[in-house]
Amino acid sequence: MGKASAPGKITILGEYAVLYGKLGIAAAVQERVHAEASEHENILIDLNGKKKEYSIQEAKRLFVESEGMIERKDAESLHKLVSERFPAICALAWKCLELKGSENGVHLKITHTLPEEKGLGFSSALSVAVAGAIIGHNTDSEKRRVFDASLFGDSIAHLNPSGLDCETSIKGGFISYRKGFGPKKVDVDMELPIVIGDTGTKSDAVRMVRRVMDMVSTNPAAKRWIEELDEAARDGLEALKKRDLEELAFNINKSQELLRHLRVSTPKIEDLIIASLRAGAIAAEIAGQGGGGAMFALCEKPEDVEKVAMAIEKAGGRVIKTTIGGPGLQVTGE
């Protein structure tokens, strides 16, 4: 056991289109979840200074119950498990211990700079960091186990995740994904400056997904918007490979316009997007599935970040100045 940290993620292109087998592109965010694991007789979880302890028997029970909820697609019960956070982490910890072949418990100390429920991949980053700290990430076998464990943890949060968030958190950089083909790391090595603007409200992902699916099933125009999101993602991927920021920005802005048509934006998100673009950002878009949460603004140069951040704050947003495209899972002290 050791220490691990894992980044969050932002879907920069293809949000919602991936639900229909289209292309999506995600990027690792510099903000991370940190986990430190050491042997313990029980499952002791320290989450940002708040502690809770479970017996081995309780941990086994929570794991079995959560596994059953996932199999039954019992979203309501899973939501309760996630909202309390500690039971979900306990179930994940036991999954990791089982995969590691350990008969002991674990003391987990978890800290993070990554905001929760803002469309920034918190649950996947948490799952990857915990799995990396308990299992390790040196051998091919450990890497497979870390992915399996983190996908289980993300399934507690999202019921049927694609695996894109976990893969992005593990590998870092930029990841392309299409359902049925699996995630692929984009062959480009660069970090781009962004400013995240937090509206102060939670992202209502479940309601937004239902809204989009209902719209696509009844409205021919919405079907075209999904196709156009796919086109923007494909063009944006080529631009990313060529390091063409102008073309990448064009397609991110095009995606935001389409997401606006799909009614997943909010007036507060729009205020922050408009403010960032007026201040010099070259692109701005919803972070995650909308209905609240956060947005992100892409800056051409690091020196633009401060002006964009000030504009977002003036418009009422809470600001995180960060980068995308950086390293994935990092494990030390195994």
Protein backbone atom coordinates (compact mmCIF):
# COMPACT_ATOMS: atom_id res chain seq x y z
CA MET A 1 0.00 0.00 0.00
CA GLY A 2 1.11 3.56 -0.59
CA LYS A 3 0.14 7.02 -1.75
CA ALA A 4 -1.63 7.95 -4.97
CA SER A 5 -3.15 10.97 -6.65
CA ALA A 6 -5.50 11.10 -9.62
CA PRO A 7 -6.80 14.02 -11.71
CA GLY A 8 -10.35 15.01 -12.48
CA LYS A 9 -11.50 15.43 -16.05
CA ILE A 10 -13.43 17.69 -18.38
CA THR A 11 -15.24 16.51 -21.49
CA ILE A 12 -14.17 19.15 -23.99
CA LEU A 13 -16.06 17.75 -26.99
CA GLY A 14 -18.87 15.27 -27.58
CA GLU A 15 -20.84 15.64 -24.34
CA TYR A 16 -24.20 13.82 -24.82
CA ALA A 17 -23.18 12.65 -28.31
CA VAL A 18 -21.29 9.75 -26.68
CA LEU A 19 -24.65 8.42 -25.43
CA TYR A 20 -25.50 7.73 -29.08
CA GLY A 21 -22.25 6.04 -30.08
CA LYS A 22 -20.58 9.26 -31.23
CA LEU A 23 -17.09 10.56 -30.48
CA GLY A 24 -16.17 12.22 -27.20
CA ILE A 25 -12.90 13.83 -26.09
CA ALA A 26 -11.95 14.24 -22.44
CA ALA A 27 -8.94 15.89 -20.82
CA ALA A 28 -7.29 15.39 -17.43
CA VAL A 29 -7.54 18.42 -15.13
CA GLN A 30 -4.67 19.51 -12.90
CA GLU A 31 -6.91 19.45 -9.78
CA ARG A 32 -6.54 16.07 -8.07
CA VAL A 33 -7.73 13.64 -5.39
CA HIS A 34 -4.98 12.34 -3.07
CA ALA A 35 -5.22 9.04 -1.19
CA GLU A 36 -2.86 7.40 1.29
CA ALA A 37 -3.43 3.75 2.31
CA SER A 38 -1.94 1.80 5.20
CA GLU A 39 -2.87 -1.50 6.84
CA HIS A 40 -5.49 -1.41 9.60
CA GLU A 41 -7.65 -3.95 11.41
CA ASN A 42 -10.85 -2.30 10.09
CA ILE A 43 -11.78 0.09 7.27
CA LEU A 44 -10.95 3.55 8.63
CA ILE A 45 -11.72 6.44 6.26
CA ASP A 46 -10.42 9.97 6.82
CA LEU A 47 -11.99 12.25 4.20
CA ASN A 48 -10.71 15.81 4.44
CA GLY A 49 -10.48 15.49 8.22
CA LYS A 50 -13.84 13.74 8.77
CA LYS A 51 -13.47 10.15 9.94
CA LYS A 52 -15.62 7.03 9.94
CA GLU A 53 -14.69 3.44 10.77
CA TYR A 54 -16.31 0.19 9.58
CA SER A 55 -15.70 -3.38 10.65
CA ILE A 56 -14.59 -5.90 8.03
CA GLN A 57 -18.06 -7.48 8.21
CA GLU A 58 -19.73 -4.10 7.55
CA ALA A 59 -17.39 -3.47 4.63
CA LYS A 60 -18.24 -6.83 3.07
CA ARG A 61 -21.95 -6.15 3.50
CA LEU A 62 -21.70 -2.69 1.88
CA PHE A 63 -19.72 -4.14 -1.03
CA VAL A 64 -22.27 -6.93 -1.65
CA GLU A 65 -25.20 -4.51 -1.34
CA SER A 66 -23.69 -1.94 -3.71
CA GLU A 67 -22.77 -4.66 -6.23
CA GLY A 68 -26.38 -5.84 -6.14
CA MET A 69 -27.69 -2.30 -6.63
CA ILE A 70 -25.48 -1.91 -9.71
CA GLU A 71 -26.66 -5.23 -11.15
CA ARG A 72 -30.32 -4.32 -10.51
CA LYS A 73 -29.75 -0.78 -11.83
CA ASP A 74 -31.18 0.56 -8.57
CA ALA A 75 -30.25 4.20 -9.12
CA GLU A 76 -32.23 5.51 -6.13
CA SER A 77 -30.42 3.31 -3.59
CA LEU A 78 -27.05 4.03 -5.19
CA HIS A 79 -27.75 7.76 -5.01
CA LYS A 80 -28.30 7.46 -1.25
CA LEU A 81 -25.05 5.51 -0.90
CA VAL A 82 -23.12 8.18 -2.81
CA SER A 83 -24.73 11.12 -1.03
CA GLU A 84 -23.45 9.76 2.29
CA ARG A 85 -20.02 9.28 0.61
CA PHE A 86 -18.42 7.15 3.39
CA PRO A 87 -20.38 3.92 2.65
CA ALA A 88 -19.50 4.21 -1.05
CA ILE A 89 -15.78 4.63 -0.23
CA CYS A 90 -15.97 1.69 2.18
CA ALA A 91 -17.49 -0.56 -0.51
CA LEU A 92 -14.81 0.58 -2.97
CA ALA A 93 -12.05 -0.07 -0.41
CA TRP A 94 -13.25 -3.64 0.12
CA LYS A 95 -13.36 -4.22 -3.65
CA CYS A 96 -9.73 -3.03 -3.85
CA LEU A 97 -8.66 -5.25 -0.95
CA GLU A 98 -10.32 -8.26 -2.59
CA LEU A 99 -8.56 -7.58 -5.89
CA LYS A 100 -5.27 -7.16 -4.06
CA GLY A 101 -5.80 -10.45 -2.21
CA SER A 102 -5.41 -8.80 1.19
CA GLU A 103 -7.07 -10.19 4.32
CA ASN A 104 -6.41 -6.99 6.31
CA GLY A 105 -8.36 -3.77 6.51
CA VAL A 106 -7.10 -0.36 5.46
CA HIS A 107 -6.73 3.15 6.82
CA LEU A 108 -7.50 5.58 4.00
CA LYS A 109 -6.58 9.24 4.26
CA ILE A 110 -8.20 11.20 1.40
CA THR A 111 -7.80 14.87 0.53
CA HIS A 112 -8.69 16.75 -2.62
CA THR A 113 -8.66 20.08 -4.43
CA LEU A 114 -11.21 18.88 -6.99
CA PRO A 115 -14.77 20.23 -6.55
CA GLU A 116 -17.56 17.66 -6.13
CA GLU A 117 -20.69 17.40 -8.30
CA LYS A 118 -19.53 20.01 -10.81
CA GLY A 119 -19.03 17.81 -13.89
CA LEU A 120 -15.29 17.46 -13.23
CA GLY A 121 -15.10 13.69 -12.69
CA PHE A 122 -14.79 13.71 -8.90
CA SER A 123 -16.14 10.19 -8.34
CA SER A 124 -13.80 8.66 -10.93
CA ALA A 125 -10.75 10.55 -9.61
CA LEU A 126 -11.59 9.46 -6.06
CA SER A 127 -12.01 5.84 -7.18
CA VAL A 128 -8.75 5.85 -9.16
CA ALA A 129 -6.76 7.43 -6.33
CA VAL A 130 -8.10 4.96 -3.73
CA ALA A 131 -7.51 1.98 -6.03
CA GLY A 132 -3.99 3.15 -6.86
CA ALA A 133 -3.09 3.65 -3.20
CA ILE A 134 -4.37 0.19 -2.13
CA ILE A 135 -3.48 -1.95 -5.16
CA GLY A 136 -0.45 -0.19 -6.69
CA HIS A 137 0.10 0.53 -10.37
CA ASN A 138 3.40 -1.05 -11.46
CA THR A 139 2.56 -4.35 -13.15
CA ASP A 140 0.07 -4.99 -15.95
CA SER A 141 -1.99 -7.03 -13.50
CA GLU A 142 -2.14 -4.13 -11.02
CA LYS A 143 -3.11 -1.72 -13.80
CA ARG A 144 -6.03 -3.96 -14.83
CA ARG A 145 -7.14 -4.27 -11.21
CA VAL A 146 -6.98 -0.50 -10.69
CA PHE A 147 -9.21 0.04 -13.73
CA ASP A 148 -11.69 -2.67 -12.60
CA ALA A 149 -11.86 -1.27 -9.06
CA SER A 150 -12.19 2.35 -10.17
CA LEU A 151 -14.93 1.46 -12.65
CA PHE A 152 -16.79 -0.26 -9.79
CA GLY A 153 -16.45 2.91 -7.70
CA ASP A 154 -17.66 5.09 -10.56
CA SER A 155 -20.58 2.68 -11.12
CA ILE A 156 -21.77 3.38 -7.57
CA ALA A 157 -21.88 7.08 -8.51
CA HIS A 158 -23.17 6.83 -12.09
CA LEU A 159 -24.69 3.33 -12.37
CA ASN A 160 -23.50 2.62 -15.92
CA PRO A 161 -20.39 4.71 -16.69
CA SER A 162 -18.63 4.40 -20.03
CA GLY A 163 -15.19 4.07 -18.45
CA LEU A 164 -14.03 7.30 -20.12
CA ASP A 165 -13.72 9.22 -16.84
CA CYS A 166 -11.68 6.48 -15.15
CA GLU A 167 -9.48 5.99 -18.20
CA THR A 168 -8.80 9.73 -18.40
CA SER A 169 -7.94 9.88 -14.70
CA ILE A 170 -5.59 6.88 -15.01
CA LYS A 171 -3.81 7.82 -18.24
CA GLY A 172 -4.00 11.63 -18.14
CA GLY A 173 -3.55 13.81 -21.20
CA PHE A 174 -6.37 13.80 -23.75
CA ILE A 175 -8.56 10.74 -24.32
CA SER A 176 -10.87 10.02 -27.26
CA TYR A 177 -13.78 7.64 -26.82
CA ARG A 178 -16.52 6.03 -28.85
CA LYS A 179 -18.90 3.43 -27.40
CA GLY A 180 -17.87 -0.06 -28.49
CA PHE A 181 -14.30 0.98 -29.33
CA GLY A 182 -12.99 1.91 -25.90
CA PRO A 183 -10.91 4.92 -24.81
CA LYS A 184 -7.71 5.85 -26.69
CA LYS A 185 -5.04 8.28 -25.59
CA VAL A 186 -4.57 11.08 -28.12
CA ASP A 187 -0.97 11.28 -29.32
CA VAL A 188 -0.33 14.87 -28.26
CA ASP A 189 1.81 16.08 -25.37
CA MET A 190 0.73 19.52 -24.22
CA GLU A 191 -1.08 21.26 -21.39
CA LEU A 192 -3.56 24.04 -22.08
CA PRO A 193 -4.49 26.82 -19.63
CA ILE A 194 -8.15 26.98 -18.64
CA VAL A 195 -10.29 28.73 -16.05
CA ILE A 196 -13.10 26.80 -14.42
CA GLY A 197 -16.08 28.87 -13.35
CA ASP A 198 -18.23 27.29 -10.64
CA THR A 199 -21.82 28.55 -10.55
CA GLY A 200 -22.23 27.45 -6.93
CA THR A 201 -25.02 25.02 -7.83
CA LYS A 202 -24.85 21.26 -8.29
CA SER A 203 -24.93 19.72 -11.74
CA ASP A 204 -28.31 17.98 -12.24
CA ALA A 205 -26.88 15.30 -14.54
CA VAL A 206 -29.71 12.77 -14.23
CA ARG A 207 -32.42 15.29 -15.14
CA MET A 208 -30.35 16.70 -18.01
CA VAL A 209 -29.69 13.26 -19.51
CA ARG A 210 -33.40 12.45 -19.39
CA ARG A 211 -34.22 15.80 -20.99
CA VAL A 212 -31.81 15.25 -23.87
CA MET A 213 -32.90 11.65 -24.47
CA ASP A 214 -36.58 12.70 -24.52
CA MET A 215 -35.79 15.53 -26.92
CA VAL A 216 -33.77 13.34 -29.29
CA SER A 217 -36.51 10.70 -29.35
CA THR A 218 -39.21 13.21 -30.34
CA ASN A 219 -37.49 16.09 -32.13
CA PRO A 220 -35.74 15.58 -35.52
CA ALA A 221 -33.75 18.80 -34.97
CA ALA A 222 -32.27 17.35 -31.77
CA LYS A 223 -31.06 14.31 -33.71
CA ARG A 224 -29.25 16.67 -36.10
CA TRP A 225 -27.67 18.48 -33.14
CA ILE A 226 -26.26 15.16 -31.89
CA GLU A 227 -24.77 14.55 -35.34
CA GLU A 228 -23.30 18.05 -35.33
CA LEU A 229 -21.78 17.45 -31.87
CA ASP A 230 -20.08 14.38 -33.34
CA GLU A 231 -18.81 16.41 -36.29
CA ALA A 232 -17.41 19.06 -33.95
CA ALA A 233 -15.68 16.36 -31.89
CA ARG A 234 -14.10 14.78 -34.99
CA ASP A 235 -12.89 18.13 -36.31
CA GLY A 236 -11.71 19.11 -32.83
CA LEU A 237 -9.73 15.87 -32.48
CA GLU A 238 -7.87 16.58 -35.71
CA ALA A 239 -7.18 20.12 -34.54
CA LEU A 240 -5.85 18.80 -31.22
CA LYS A 241 -3.49 16.41 -32.98
CA LYS A 242 -2.19 19.31 -35.10
CA ARG A 243 -1.97 21.63 -32.05
CA ASP A 244 -4.28 24.02 -33.91
CA LEU A 245 -5.80 25.97 -31.00
CA GLU A 246 -7.87 28.25 -33.21
CA GLU A 247 -9.66 25.30 -34.84
CA LEU A 248 -10.01 23.49 -31.50
CA ALA A 249 -11.56 26.60 -29.96
CA PHE A 250 -13.96 26.98 -32.90
CA ASN A 251 -15.29 23.45 -32.33
CA ILE A 252 -15.59 23.88 -28.56
CA ASN A 253 -17.66 27.03 -29.12
CA LYS A 254 -19.73 25.21 -31.74
CA SER A 255 -20.38 22.43 -29.21
CA GLN A 256 -21.54 24.93 -26.61
CA GLU A 257 -24.01 26.40 -29.09
CA LEU A 258 -25.41 22.90 -29.72
CA LEU A 259 -25.61 22.12 -25.99
CA ARG A 260 -27.53 25.37 -25.60
CA HIS A 261 -30.01 24.13 -28.22
CA LEU A 262 -30.36 20.89 -26.19
CA ARG A 263 -31.36 23.04 -23.18
CA VAL A 264 -28.71 21.76 -20.76
CA SER A 265 -27.20 25.18 -20.11
CA THR A 266 -28.48 27.59 -17.46
CA PRO A 267 -28.62 31.40 -17.28
CA LYS A 268 -25.81 31.40 -14.70
CA ILE A 269 -23.57 29.23 -16.87
CA GLU A 270 -24.30 31.50 -19.84
CA ASP A 271 -23.34 34.59 -17.78
CA LEU A 272 -19.96 33.05 -16.96
CA ILE A 273 -19.38 31.92 -20.55
CA ILE A 274 -20.16 35.37 -21.97
CA ALA A 275 -17.95 37.08 -19.38
CA SER A 276 -15.01 34.78 -20.12
CA LEU A 277 -15.22 35.26 -23.89
CA ARG A 278 -15.42 39.04 -23.55
CA ALA A 279 -12.32 38.92 -21.34
CA GLY A 280 -10.25 37.11 -23.98
CA ALA A 281 -10.94 33.38 -23.65
CA ILE A 282 -10.85 31.71 -27.07
CA ALA A 283 -13.55 29.15 -26.17
CA ALA A 284 -15.97 28.41 -23.34
CA GLU A 285 -18.32 25.51 -22.66
CA ILE A 286 -20.30 23.69 -20.00
CA ALA A 287 -18.16 21.37 -17.87
CA GLY A 288 -20.05 18.10 -17.61
CA GLN A 289 -23.74 17.58 -18.31
CA GLY A 290 -25.07 20.94 -17.25
CA GLY A 291 -28.17 21.91 -15.36
CA GLY A 292 -25.85 23.72 -12.94
CA GLY A 293 -22.31 22.94 -11.91
CA ALA A 294 -19.46 24.61 -13.77
CA MET A 295 -18.15 25.86 -17.10
CA PHE A 296 -14.63 26.12 -18.44
CA ALA A 297 -12.88 28.75 -20.52
CA LEU A 298 -9.92 27.90 -22.74
CA CYS A 299 -7.15 30.51 -22.86
CA GLU A 300 -4.66 30.85 -25.70
CA LYS A 301 -1.82 32.04 -23.45
CA PRO A 302 -1.10 31.67 -19.71
CA GLU A 303 -1.09 35.47 -19.35
CA ASP A 304 -4.77 35.57 -20.40
CA VAL A 305 -5.82 33.43 -17.44
CA GLU A 306 -5.88 36.22 -14.86
CA LYS A 307 -8.10 38.51 -16.98
CA VAL A 308 -10.54 35.69 -17.69
CA ALA A 309 -10.59 34.62 -14.03
CA MET A 310 -11.36 38.17 -12.88
CA ALA A 311 -14.22 38.43 -15.40
CA ILE A 312 -15.76 35.15 -14.25
CA GLU A 313 -15.51 36.21 -10.60
CA LYS A 314 -17.12 39.57 -11.42
CA ALA A 315 -19.99 37.67 -13.10
CA GLY A 316 -20.56 35.72 -9.87
CA GLY A 317 -18.55 32.54 -10.44
CA ARG A 318 -16.06 30.84 -8.15
CA VAL A 319 -12.79 30.40 -10.02
CA ILE A 320 -10.22 27.62 -10.40
CA LYS A 321 -7.19 28.49 -12.54
CA THR A 322 -5.75 25.25 -13.86
CA THR A 323 -4.61 23.31 -16.95
CA ILE A 324 -5.86 20.34 -18.97
CA GLY A 325 -3.81 17.60 -20.61
CA GLY A 326 -1.50 16.88 -17.66
CA PRO A 327 -0.43 13.60 -15.99
CA GLY A 328 -2.78 10.85 -14.89
CA LEU A 329 -2.55 8.51 -11.89
CA GLN A 330 0.63 8.87 -9.86
CA VAL A 331 1.54 6.27 -7.22
CA THR A 332 4.42 6.45 -4.71
CA GLY A 333 5.65 4.49 -1.72
CA GLU A 334 4.34 1.08 -2.78
